Amino acid sequence: MTDMTDTGNTSTARDTLARIIDTTAPGTLLSCGALATEVSRFWQQHREDTHLHTLDTSDPNASLVMDRVVDLALISDTLEHLPHDEGALLLGQLRNYGTHQIAVLVGETPDWAFTDFIGLGFRRHAELESDNGALTLYTYDLDTYNHKRAWNNPENWANPEMWGKAWW
């Protein structure tokens, strides 16, 4: 996907999404928003084995069908135009239905704060430049979302012989 990247030192939103797709190499890809869909379609043209599903930015929850696990979801130009509850529903459904990785680009908006994304399990990944101003990239990775805790093992329980046998 090097055709889509600029040669300058500034990391743009398009470059970053292209690198995310290159790194992930998804078999199933979901996109919502103009920039996310542009980058996703470019990837699909060069990797015809990739299944791409696009969502309408005006009502993405209506066309969200989670009939298979999605490897990567890219969201751009969407949360700024949706009521907060609908945007949270979209991100929550993607996360809860097992999407392996999610990348969200969001511009300055009073409806979305850093704590909203952290509460949904996302990490602030980068501040990026775009034609319409600064964007923040938030990412979610199912594999690193819930880190292993040292105390969560049979040695630290009162009855280690019951580990995995009784559920209460």
N, C-alpha and C. Protein backbone atom coordinates (compact mmCIF):
# COMPACT_ATOMS: atom_id res chain seq x y z
N MET A 1 0.81 -1.20 0.00
CA MET A 1 0.00 0.00 0.00
C MET A 1 0.84 1.25 0.00
N THR A 2 2.06 1.17 -0.42
CA THR A 2 2.93 2.32 -0.38
C THR A 2 2.49 3.42 -1.34
N ASP A 3 1.65 3.12 -2.32
CA ASP A 3 1.19 4.13 -3.26
C ASP A 3 0.38 5.22 -2.57
N MET A 4 -0.25 4.91 -1.45
CA MET A 4 -1.13 5.87 -0.79
C MET A 4 -0.40 6.78 0.20
N THR A 5 0.84 6.50 0.50
CA THR A 5 1.53 7.26 1.52
C THR A 5 2.27 8.44 0.92
N ASP A 6 2.38 9.51 1.71
CA ASP A 6 3.16 10.66 1.31
C ASP A 6 4.62 10.39 1.64
N THR A 7 5.51 11.15 1.02
CA THR A 7 6.92 10.97 1.30
C THR A 7 7.42 11.94 2.36
N GLY A 8 6.58 12.81 2.87
CA GLY A 8 6.99 13.77 3.88
C GLY A 8 7.15 13.14 5.25
N ASN A 9 7.65 13.93 6.20
CA ASN A 9 7.89 13.44 7.55
C ASN A 9 6.63 13.42 8.39
N THR A 10 5.62 14.20 8.03
CA THR A 10 4.39 14.26 8.81
C THR A 10 3.56 13.02 8.53
N SER A 11 3.17 12.36 9.60
CA SER A 11 2.32 11.18 9.46
C SER A 11 0.88 11.64 9.30
N THR A 12 0.30 11.36 8.17
CA THR A 12 -1.08 11.75 7.93
C THR A 12 -2.02 10.62 8.32
N ALA A 13 -3.28 10.96 8.42
CA ALA A 13 -4.29 9.97 8.76
C ALA A 13 -4.34 8.85 7.72
N ARG A 14 -4.25 9.19 6.46
CA ARG A 14 -4.29 8.19 5.39
C ARG A 14 -3.10 7.23 5.51
N ASP A 15 -1.90 7.79 5.75
CA ASP A 15 -0.71 6.96 5.91
C ASP A 15 -0.88 5.98 7.06
N THR A 16 -1.39 6.49 8.15
CA THR A 16 -1.53 5.68 9.35
C THR A 16 -2.52 4.55 9.15
N LEU A 17 -3.67 4.85 8.54
CA LEU A 17 -4.64 3.78 8.27
C LEU A 17 -4.05 2.75 7.31
N ALA A 18 -3.30 3.21 6.32
CA ALA A 18 -2.67 2.28 5.38
C ALA A 18 -1.68 1.37 6.10
N ARG A 19 -0.91 1.92 7.03
CA ARG A 19 0.04 1.11 7.80
C ARG A 19 -0.68 0.11 8.70
N ILE A 20 -1.79 0.52 9.27
CA ILE A 20 -2.57 -0.38 10.12
C ILE A 20 -3.07 -1.57 9.30
N ILE A 21 -3.58 -1.29 8.12
CA ILE A 21 -4.06 -2.39 7.26
C ILE A 21 -2.90 -3.27 6.84
N ASP A 22 -1.79 -2.67 6.43
CA ASP A 22 -0.62 -3.46 6.03
C ASP A 22 -0.15 -4.37 7.15
N THR A 23 -0.11 -3.85 8.35
CA THR A 23 0.37 -4.62 9.50
C THR A 23 -0.60 -5.74 9.86
N THR A 24 -1.88 -5.44 9.80
CA THR A 24 -2.91 -6.40 10.19
C THR A 24 -3.14 -7.46 9.12
N ALA A 25 -3.08 -7.06 7.86
CA ALA A 25 -3.37 -7.94 6.72
C ALA A 25 -4.68 -8.69 6.95
N PRO A 26 -5.79 -7.95 7.07
CA PRO A 26 -7.07 -8.58 7.43
C PRO A 26 -7.68 -9.40 6.29
N GLY A 27 -8.36 -10.47 6.68
CA GLY A 27 -9.16 -11.23 5.73
C GLY A 27 -10.56 -10.67 5.64
N THR A 28 -11.04 -10.11 6.76
CA THR A 28 -12.34 -9.43 6.78
C THR A 28 -12.10 -8.02 7.31
N LEU A 29 -12.66 -7.07 6.60
CA LEU A 29 -12.42 -5.66 6.88
C LEU A 29 -13.74 -4.92 6.86
N LEU A 30 -13.96 -4.09 7.87
CA LEU A 30 -15.16 -3.27 7.94
C LEU A 30 -14.73 -1.82 7.96
N SER A 31 -15.40 -0.98 7.17
CA SER A 31 -15.05 0.44 7.15
C SER A 31 -16.30 1.29 7.27
N CYS A 32 -16.11 2.44 7.89
CA CYS A 32 -17.18 3.42 8.02
C CYS A 32 -16.55 4.79 7.96
N GLY A 33 -16.96 5.58 7.00
CA GLY A 33 -16.41 6.91 6.82
C GLY A 33 -15.62 6.99 5.53
N ALA A 34 -15.52 8.20 4.99
CA ALA A 34 -14.90 8.40 3.67
C ALA A 34 -13.44 7.94 3.63
N LEU A 35 -12.63 8.41 4.57
CA LEU A 35 -11.21 8.06 4.55
C LEU A 35 -11.00 6.57 4.82
N ALA A 36 -11.69 6.02 5.80
CA ALA A 36 -11.58 4.60 6.11
C ALA A 36 -11.97 3.74 4.91
N THR A 37 -13.04 4.12 4.23
CA THR A 37 -13.50 3.35 3.07
C THR A 37 -12.55 3.49 1.90
N GLU A 38 -12.01 4.68 1.69
CA GLU A 38 -11.03 4.88 0.61
C GLU A 38 -9.82 3.97 0.79
N VAL A 39 -9.25 3.97 1.98
CA VAL A 39 -8.07 3.15 2.26
C VAL A 39 -8.42 1.67 2.19
N SER A 40 -9.59 1.30 2.69
CA SER A 40 -10.02 -0.10 2.67
C SER A 40 -10.23 -0.61 1.24
N ARG A 41 -10.83 0.21 0.42
CA ARG A 41 -11.05 -0.20 -0.98
C ARG A 41 -9.73 -0.35 -1.73
N PHE A 42 -8.78 0.53 -1.45
CA PHE A 42 -7.46 0.41 -2.07
C PHE A 42 -6.82 -0.91 -1.67
N TRP A 43 -6.92 -1.27 -0.39
CA TRP A 43 -6.38 -2.55 0.09
C TRP A 43 -7.07 -3.71 -0.62
N GLN A 44 -8.39 -3.66 -0.71
CA GLN A 44 -9.15 -4.76 -1.31
C GLN A 44 -8.79 -4.93 -2.79
N GLN A 45 -8.52 -3.85 -3.50
CA GLN A 45 -8.14 -3.95 -4.91
C GLN A 45 -6.85 -4.75 -5.09
N HIS A 46 -5.97 -4.65 -4.11
CA HIS A 46 -4.70 -5.34 -4.19
C HIS A 46 -4.69 -6.69 -3.47
N ARG A 47 -5.71 -6.93 -2.69
CA ARG A 47 -5.85 -8.20 -1.97
C ARG A 47 -7.28 -8.68 -2.17
N GLU A 48 -7.55 -9.31 -3.27
CA GLU A 48 -8.91 -9.68 -3.63
C GLU A 48 -9.52 -10.72 -2.69
N ASP A 49 -8.70 -11.38 -1.87
CA ASP A 49 -9.24 -12.36 -0.94
C ASP A 49 -9.81 -11.71 0.32
N THR A 50 -9.73 -10.39 0.41
CA THR A 50 -10.25 -9.66 1.56
C THR A 50 -11.73 -9.37 1.36
N HIS A 51 -12.52 -9.71 2.37
CA HIS A 51 -13.96 -9.41 2.35
C HIS A 51 -14.14 -8.03 3.00
N LEU A 52 -14.71 -7.08 2.26
CA LEU A 52 -14.91 -5.72 2.75
C LEU A 52 -16.40 -5.44 2.93
N HIS A 53 -16.75 -4.91 4.09
CA HIS A 53 -18.11 -4.48 4.38
C HIS A 53 -18.05 -3.01 4.77
N THR A 54 -18.84 -2.18 4.11
CA THR A 54 -18.86 -0.75 4.43
C THR A 54 -20.18 -0.38 5.09
N LEU A 55 -20.10 0.57 6.00
CA LEU A 55 -21.27 1.06 6.72
C LEU A 55 -21.59 2.47 6.28
N ASP A 56 -22.87 2.81 6.29
CA ASP A 56 -23.33 4.15 5.99
C ASP A 56 -23.06 5.03 7.21
N THR A 57 -22.38 6.16 7.03
CA THR A 57 -22.01 7.01 8.15
C THR A 57 -23.20 7.70 8.80
N SER A 58 -24.30 7.86 8.07
CA SER A 58 -25.46 8.53 8.66
C SER A 58 -26.19 7.66 9.68
N ASP A 59 -26.15 6.33 9.48
CA ASP A 59 -26.78 5.40 10.42
C ASP A 59 -26.04 4.07 10.37
N PRO A 60 -24.81 4.03 10.89
CA PRO A 60 -24.00 2.81 10.76
C PRO A 60 -24.57 1.62 11.52
N ASN A 61 -25.30 1.87 12.60
CA ASN A 61 -25.85 0.76 13.37
C ASN A 61 -26.92 0.00 12.61
N ALA A 62 -27.61 0.68 11.69
CA ALA A 62 -28.67 0.01 10.92
C ALA A 62 -28.09 -1.01 9.94
N SER A 63 -26.90 -0.74 9.41
CA SER A 63 -26.33 -1.66 8.43
C SER A 63 -25.23 -2.54 9.01
N LEU A 64 -25.06 -2.50 10.33
CA LEU A 64 -24.05 -3.33 10.98
C LEU A 64 -24.61 -4.73 11.18
N VAL A 65 -24.08 -5.67 10.44
CA VAL A 65 -24.47 -7.07 10.55
C VAL A 65 -23.22 -7.84 10.93
N MET A 66 -23.23 -8.40 12.10
CA MET A 66 -22.05 -9.12 12.58
C MET A 66 -22.27 -10.62 12.41
N ASP A 67 -22.33 -11.06 11.15
CA ASP A 67 -22.55 -12.47 10.87
C ASP A 67 -21.24 -13.26 10.84
N ARG A 68 -20.11 -12.56 10.91
CA ARG A 68 -18.80 -13.21 10.97
C ARG A 68 -17.87 -12.31 11.77
N VAL A 69 -16.84 -12.88 12.30
CA VAL A 69 -15.87 -12.10 13.07
C VAL A 69 -15.07 -11.22 12.10
N VAL A 70 -14.89 -10.00 12.46
CA VAL A 70 -14.17 -9.03 11.63
C VAL A 70 -12.74 -8.92 12.15
N ASP A 71 -11.77 -9.01 11.25
CA ASP A 71 -10.37 -8.89 11.64
C ASP A 71 -10.00 -7.45 11.98
N LEU A 72 -10.50 -6.49 11.19
CA LEU A 72 -10.14 -5.09 11.39
C LEU A 72 -11.32 -4.21 11.02
N ALA A 73 -11.62 -3.24 11.88
CA ALA A 73 -12.64 -2.24 11.59
C ALA A 73 -11.97 -0.87 11.62
N LEU A 74 -12.21 -0.08 10.57
CA LEU A 74 -11.70 1.28 10.48
C LEU A 74 -12.87 2.24 10.49
N ILE A 75 -12.83 3.23 11.39
CA ILE A 75 -13.90 4.21 11.51
C ILE A 75 -13.29 5.59 11.37
N SER A 76 -13.82 6.39 10.46
CA SER A 76 -13.39 7.78 10.30
C SER A 76 -14.60 8.63 9.92
N ASP A 77 -14.51 9.92 10.15
CA ASP A 77 -15.55 10.87 9.72
C ASP A 77 -16.96 10.42 10.16
N THR A 78 -17.10 9.79 11.27
CA THR A 78 -18.39 9.24 11.66
C THR A 78 -18.86 9.72 13.03
N LEU A 79 -18.05 9.53 14.05
CA LEU A 79 -18.47 9.84 15.41
C LEU A 79 -18.80 11.31 15.60
N GLU A 80 -18.15 12.17 14.83
CA GLU A 80 -18.39 13.61 14.93
C GLU A 80 -19.81 13.99 14.52
N HIS A 81 -20.47 13.13 13.72
CA HIS A 81 -21.78 13.44 13.15
C HIS A 81 -22.92 12.62 13.76
N LEU A 82 -22.59 11.73 14.69
CA LEU A 82 -23.60 10.88 15.31
C LEU A 82 -23.88 11.36 16.73
N PRO A 83 -25.10 11.14 17.21
CA PRO A 83 -25.32 11.34 18.65
C PRO A 83 -24.39 10.40 19.43
N HIS A 84 -23.94 10.85 20.59
CA HIS A 84 -22.97 10.09 21.37
C HIS A 84 -23.44 8.66 21.64
N ASP A 85 -24.71 8.47 21.97
CA ASP A 85 -25.22 7.13 22.27
C ASP A 85 -25.11 6.20 21.08
N GLU A 86 -25.37 6.71 19.87
CA GLU A 86 -25.28 5.87 18.68
C GLU A 86 -23.83 5.52 18.36
N GLY A 87 -22.93 6.47 18.56
CA GLY A 87 -21.51 6.20 18.35
C GLY A 87 -20.98 5.18 19.35
N ALA A 88 -21.37 5.32 20.60
CA ALA A 88 -20.96 4.36 21.63
C ALA A 88 -21.53 2.98 21.33
N LEU A 89 -22.75 2.93 20.83
CA LEU A 89 -23.36 1.65 20.45
C LEU A 89 -22.56 1.00 19.32
N LEU A 90 -22.17 1.77 18.33
CA LEU A 90 -21.39 1.24 17.21
C LEU A 90 -20.08 0.65 17.71
N LEU A 91 -19.32 1.42 18.48
CA LEU A 91 -18.03 0.93 18.97
C LEU A 91 -18.20 -0.26 19.91
N GLY A 92 -19.22 -0.20 20.76
CA GLY A 92 -19.48 -1.30 21.69
C GLY A 92 -19.85 -2.58 20.99
N GLN A 93 -20.67 -2.47 19.95
CA GLN A 93 -21.06 -3.67 19.21
C GLN A 93 -19.87 -4.27 18.47
N LEU A 94 -19.06 -3.42 17.86
CA LEU A 94 -17.87 -3.94 17.17
C LEU A 94 -16.98 -4.68 18.15
N ARG A 95 -16.78 -4.07 19.30
CA ARG A 95 -15.92 -4.68 20.32
C ARG A 95 -16.54 -5.96 20.86
N ASN A 96 -17.81 -5.92 21.22
CA ASN A 96 -18.45 -7.06 21.87
C ASN A 96 -18.68 -8.25 20.95
N TYR A 97 -18.78 -8.00 19.65
CA TYR A 97 -18.96 -9.11 18.71
C TYR A 97 -17.65 -9.70 18.24
N GLY A 98 -16.54 -9.33 18.88
CA GLY A 98 -15.27 -10.01 18.63
C GLY A 98 -14.41 -9.45 17.53
N THR A 99 -14.61 -8.19 17.14
CA THR A 99 -13.71 -7.59 16.16
C THR A 99 -12.31 -7.58 16.76
N HIS A 100 -11.34 -8.14 16.04
CA HIS A 100 -10.00 -8.30 16.57
C HIS A 100 -9.31 -6.96 16.82
N GLN A 101 -9.39 -6.06 15.84
CA GLN A 101 -8.76 -4.75 15.99
C GLN A 101 -9.69 -3.69 15.44
N ILE A 102 -9.71 -2.55 16.14
CA ILE A 102 -10.53 -1.41 15.72
C ILE A 102 -9.65 -0.18 15.75
N ALA A 103 -9.71 0.62 14.70
CA ALA A 103 -9.01 1.91 14.65
C ALA A 103 -10.04 2.99 14.37
N VAL A 104 -10.08 4.01 15.23
CA VAL A 104 -11.05 5.09 15.12
C VAL A 104 -10.31 6.41 15.01
N LEU A 105 -10.62 7.15 13.96
CA LEU A 105 -10.11 8.52 13.81
C LEU A 105 -11.24 9.46 14.15
N VAL A 106 -10.98 10.36 15.09
CA VAL A 106 -12.02 11.32 15.48
C VAL A 106 -11.41 12.70 15.59
N GLY A 107 -12.14 13.68 15.07
CA GLY A 107 -11.70 15.06 15.16
C GLY A 107 -12.17 15.70 16.45
N GLU A 108 -11.89 16.96 16.60
CA GLU A 108 -12.32 17.71 17.78
C GLU A 108 -13.84 17.73 17.82
N THR A 109 -14.40 17.22 18.90
CA THR A 109 -15.84 17.23 19.08
C THR A 109 -16.15 17.28 20.57
N PRO A 110 -17.11 18.10 20.97
CA PRO A 110 -17.42 18.17 22.40
C PRO A 110 -18.12 16.91 22.93
N ASP A 111 -18.66 16.10 22.03
CA ASP A 111 -19.39 14.90 22.46
C ASP A 111 -18.48 13.75 22.88
N TRP A 112 -17.25 13.73 22.38
CA TRP A 112 -16.35 12.62 22.65
C TRP A 112 -15.11 13.10 23.38
N ALA A 113 -14.84 12.48 24.51
CA ALA A 113 -13.66 12.81 25.30
C ALA A 113 -12.76 11.58 25.41
N PHE A 114 -11.55 11.82 25.84
CA PHE A 114 -10.58 10.75 26.04
C PHE A 114 -11.16 9.64 26.92
N THR A 115 -11.85 10.01 27.98
CA THR A 115 -12.41 9.03 28.92
C THR A 115 -13.50 8.16 28.29
N ASP A 116 -14.20 8.67 27.29
CA ASP A 116 -15.20 7.86 26.60
C ASP A 116 -14.55 6.67 25.90
N PHE A 117 -13.43 6.92 25.25
CA PHE A 117 -12.73 5.85 24.54
C PHE A 117 -12.06 4.89 25.51
N ILE A 118 -11.47 5.42 26.57
CA ILE A 118 -10.83 4.56 27.57
C ILE A 118 -11.88 3.65 28.21
N GLY A 119 -13.06 4.19 28.47
CA GLY A 119 -14.14 3.40 29.05
C GLY A 119 -14.60 2.26 28.15
N LEU A 120 -14.38 2.39 26.85
CA LEU A 120 -14.75 1.34 25.90
C LEU A 120 -13.58 0.39 25.60
N GLY A 121 -12.46 0.59 26.28
CA GLY A 121 -11.32 -0.30 26.10
C GLY A 121 -10.33 0.13 25.04
N PHE A 122 -10.44 1.36 24.56
CA PHE A 122 -9.55 1.86 23.53
C PHE A 122 -8.33 2.53 24.16
N ARG A 123 -7.29 2.68 23.38
CA ARG A 123 -6.09 3.42 23.77
C ARG A 123 -5.89 4.58 22.80
N ARG A 124 -5.45 5.70 23.34
CA ARG A 124 -5.10 6.82 22.44
C ARG A 124 -3.76 6.46 21.83
N HIS A 125 -3.74 6.42 20.52
CA HIS A 125 -2.57 5.92 19.80
C HIS A 125 -1.73 7.05 19.21
N ALA A 126 -2.39 8.07 18.63
CA ALA A 126 -1.62 9.12 17.96
C ALA A 126 -2.48 10.36 17.69
N GLU A 127 -1.80 11.47 17.52
CA GLU A 127 -2.40 12.71 17.02
C GLU A 127 -1.93 12.85 15.58
N LEU A 128 -2.87 13.03 14.65
CA LEU A 128 -2.54 13.02 13.23
C LEU A 128 -3.05 14.28 12.53
N GLU A 129 -2.45 14.56 11.40
CA GLU A 129 -2.86 15.67 10.55
C GLU A 129 -3.83 15.17 9.48
N SER A 130 -4.78 16.00 9.12
CA SER A 130 -5.66 15.70 7.99
C SER A 130 -6.00 16.99 7.28
N ASP A 131 -6.69 16.88 6.16
CA ASP A 131 -7.10 18.08 5.41
C ASP A 131 -8.05 18.94 6.22
N ASN A 132 -8.81 18.32 7.14
CA ASN A 132 -9.81 19.04 7.93
C ASN A 132 -9.34 19.38 9.34
N GLY A 133 -8.05 19.26 9.62
CA GLY A 133 -7.53 19.58 10.94
C GLY A 133 -6.97 18.36 11.64
N ALA A 134 -6.73 18.52 12.93
CA ALA A 134 -6.12 17.44 13.72
C ALA A 134 -7.13 16.34 14.03
N LEU A 135 -6.64 15.12 14.01
CA LEU A 135 -7.43 13.95 14.34
C LEU A 135 -6.71 13.15 15.42
N THR A 136 -7.45 12.47 16.25
CA THR A 136 -6.88 11.57 17.23
C THR A 136 -7.22 10.15 16.83
N LEU A 137 -6.21 9.29 16.87
CA LEU A 137 -6.39 7.88 16.54
C LEU A 137 -6.50 7.10 17.84
N TYR A 138 -7.61 6.39 17.99
CA TYR A 138 -7.82 5.48 19.11
C TYR A 138 -7.85 4.07 18.54
N THR A 139 -7.22 3.15 19.25
CA THR A 139 -7.18 1.77 18.78
C THR A 139 -7.63 0.81 19.87
N TYR A 140 -8.14 -0.31 19.41
CA TYR A 140 -8.57 -1.40 20.29
C TYR A 140 -8.02 -2.68 19.69
N ASP A 141 -7.38 -3.48 20.50
CA ASP A 141 -6.84 -4.76 20.06
C ASP A 141 -7.31 -5.83 21.04
N LEU A 142 -8.09 -6.75 20.57
CA LEU A 142 -8.66 -7.80 21.42
C LEU A 142 -7.57 -8.60 22.12
N ASP A 143 -6.45 -8.82 21.47
CA ASP A 143 -5.39 -9.64 22.04
C ASP A 143 -4.67 -8.96 23.21
N THR A 144 -4.65 -7.63 23.24
CA THR A 144 -3.93 -6.93 24.32
C THR A 144 -4.86 -6.14 25.22
N TYR A 145 -6.15 -6.22 24.98
CA TYR A 145 -7.12 -5.44 25.74
C TYR A 145 -7.12 -5.79 27.22
N ASN A 146 -7.15 -7.06 27.54
CA ASN A 146 -7.26 -7.49 28.93
C ASN A 146 -5.97 -8.22 29.30
N HIS A 147 -5.03 -7.49 29.89
CA HIS A 147 -3.73 -8.08 30.21
C HIS A 147 -3.83 -9.11 31.34
N LYS A 148 -2.90 -10.03 31.34
CA LYS A 148 -2.85 -11.07 32.36
C LYS A 148 -2.46 -10.43 33.69
N ARG A 149 -3.12 -10.85 34.74
CA ARG A 149 -2.82 -10.34 36.07
C ARG A 149 -2.15 -11.43 36.89
N ALA A 150 -1.11 -11.08 37.61
CA ALA A 150 -0.35 -12.05 38.39
C ALA A 150 -1.21 -12.75 39.44
N TRP A 151 -2.16 -12.04 40.00
CA TRP A 151 -2.97 -12.63 41.07
C TRP A 151 -4.05 -13.57 40.55
N ASN A 152 -4.35 -13.54 39.26
CA ASN A 152 -5.45 -14.32 38.72
C ASN A 152 -4.95 -15.70 38.27
N ASN A 153 -4.58 -16.53 39.24
CA ASN A 153 -4.12 -17.88 38.96
C ASN A 153 -4.42 -18.76 40.17
N PRO A 154 -4.32 -20.07 40.06
CA PRO A 154 -4.72 -20.95 41.15
C PRO A 154 -3.89 -20.81 42.42
N GLU A 155 -2.61 -20.41 42.31
CA GLU A 155 -1.77 -20.33 43.50
C GLU A 155 -2.25 -19.27 44.48
N ASN A 156 -2.96 -18.26 44.02
CA ASN A 156 -3.39 -17.17 44.88
C ASN A 156 -4.84 -17.29 45.35
N TRP A 157 -5.42 -18.44 45.20
CA TRP A 157 -6.79 -18.64 45.64
C TRP A 157 -6.80 -19.45 46.94
N ALA A 158 -7.84 -19.32 47.72
CA ALA A 158 -7.94 -20.04 48.98
C ALA A 158 -8.01 -21.55 48.77
N ASN A 159 -8.66 -21.97 47.71
CA ASN A 159 -8.80 -23.39 47.40
C ASN A 159 -8.31 -23.66 45.98
N PRO A 160 -7.00 -23.71 45.77
CA PRO A 160 -6.49 -23.85 44.41
C PRO A 160 -6.93 -25.13 43.72
N GLU A 161 -7.27 -26.15 44.47
CA GLU A 161 -7.73 -27.40 43.85
C GLU A 161 -9.09 -27.25 43.18
N MET A 162 -9.80 -26.15 43.49
CA MET A 162 -11.12 -25.89 42.90
C MET A 162 -11.03 -25.01 41.65
N TRP A 163 -9.83 -24.59 41.27
CA TRP A 163 -9.66 -23.71 40.11
C TRP A 163 -10.24 -24.35 38.86
N GLY A 164 -11.17 -23.68 38.24
CA GLY A 164 -11.77 -24.16 37.01
C GLY A 164 -12.85 -25.22 37.21
N LYS A 165 -13.17 -25.57 38.43
CA LYS A 165 -14.15 -26.62 38.67
C LYS A 165 -15.49 -26.07 39.16
N ALA A 166 -15.45 -25.01 39.91
CA ALA A 166 -16.69 -24.46 40.45
C ALA A 166 -16.85 -23.01 39.98
N TRP A 167 -18.07 -22.68 39.62
CA TRP A 167 -18.37 -21.32 39.15
C TRP A 167 -19.44 -20.75 40.05
N TRP A 168 -19.21 -19.60 40.60
CA TRP A 168 -20.18 -18.98 41.46
C TRP A 168 -20.32 -17.54 41.17
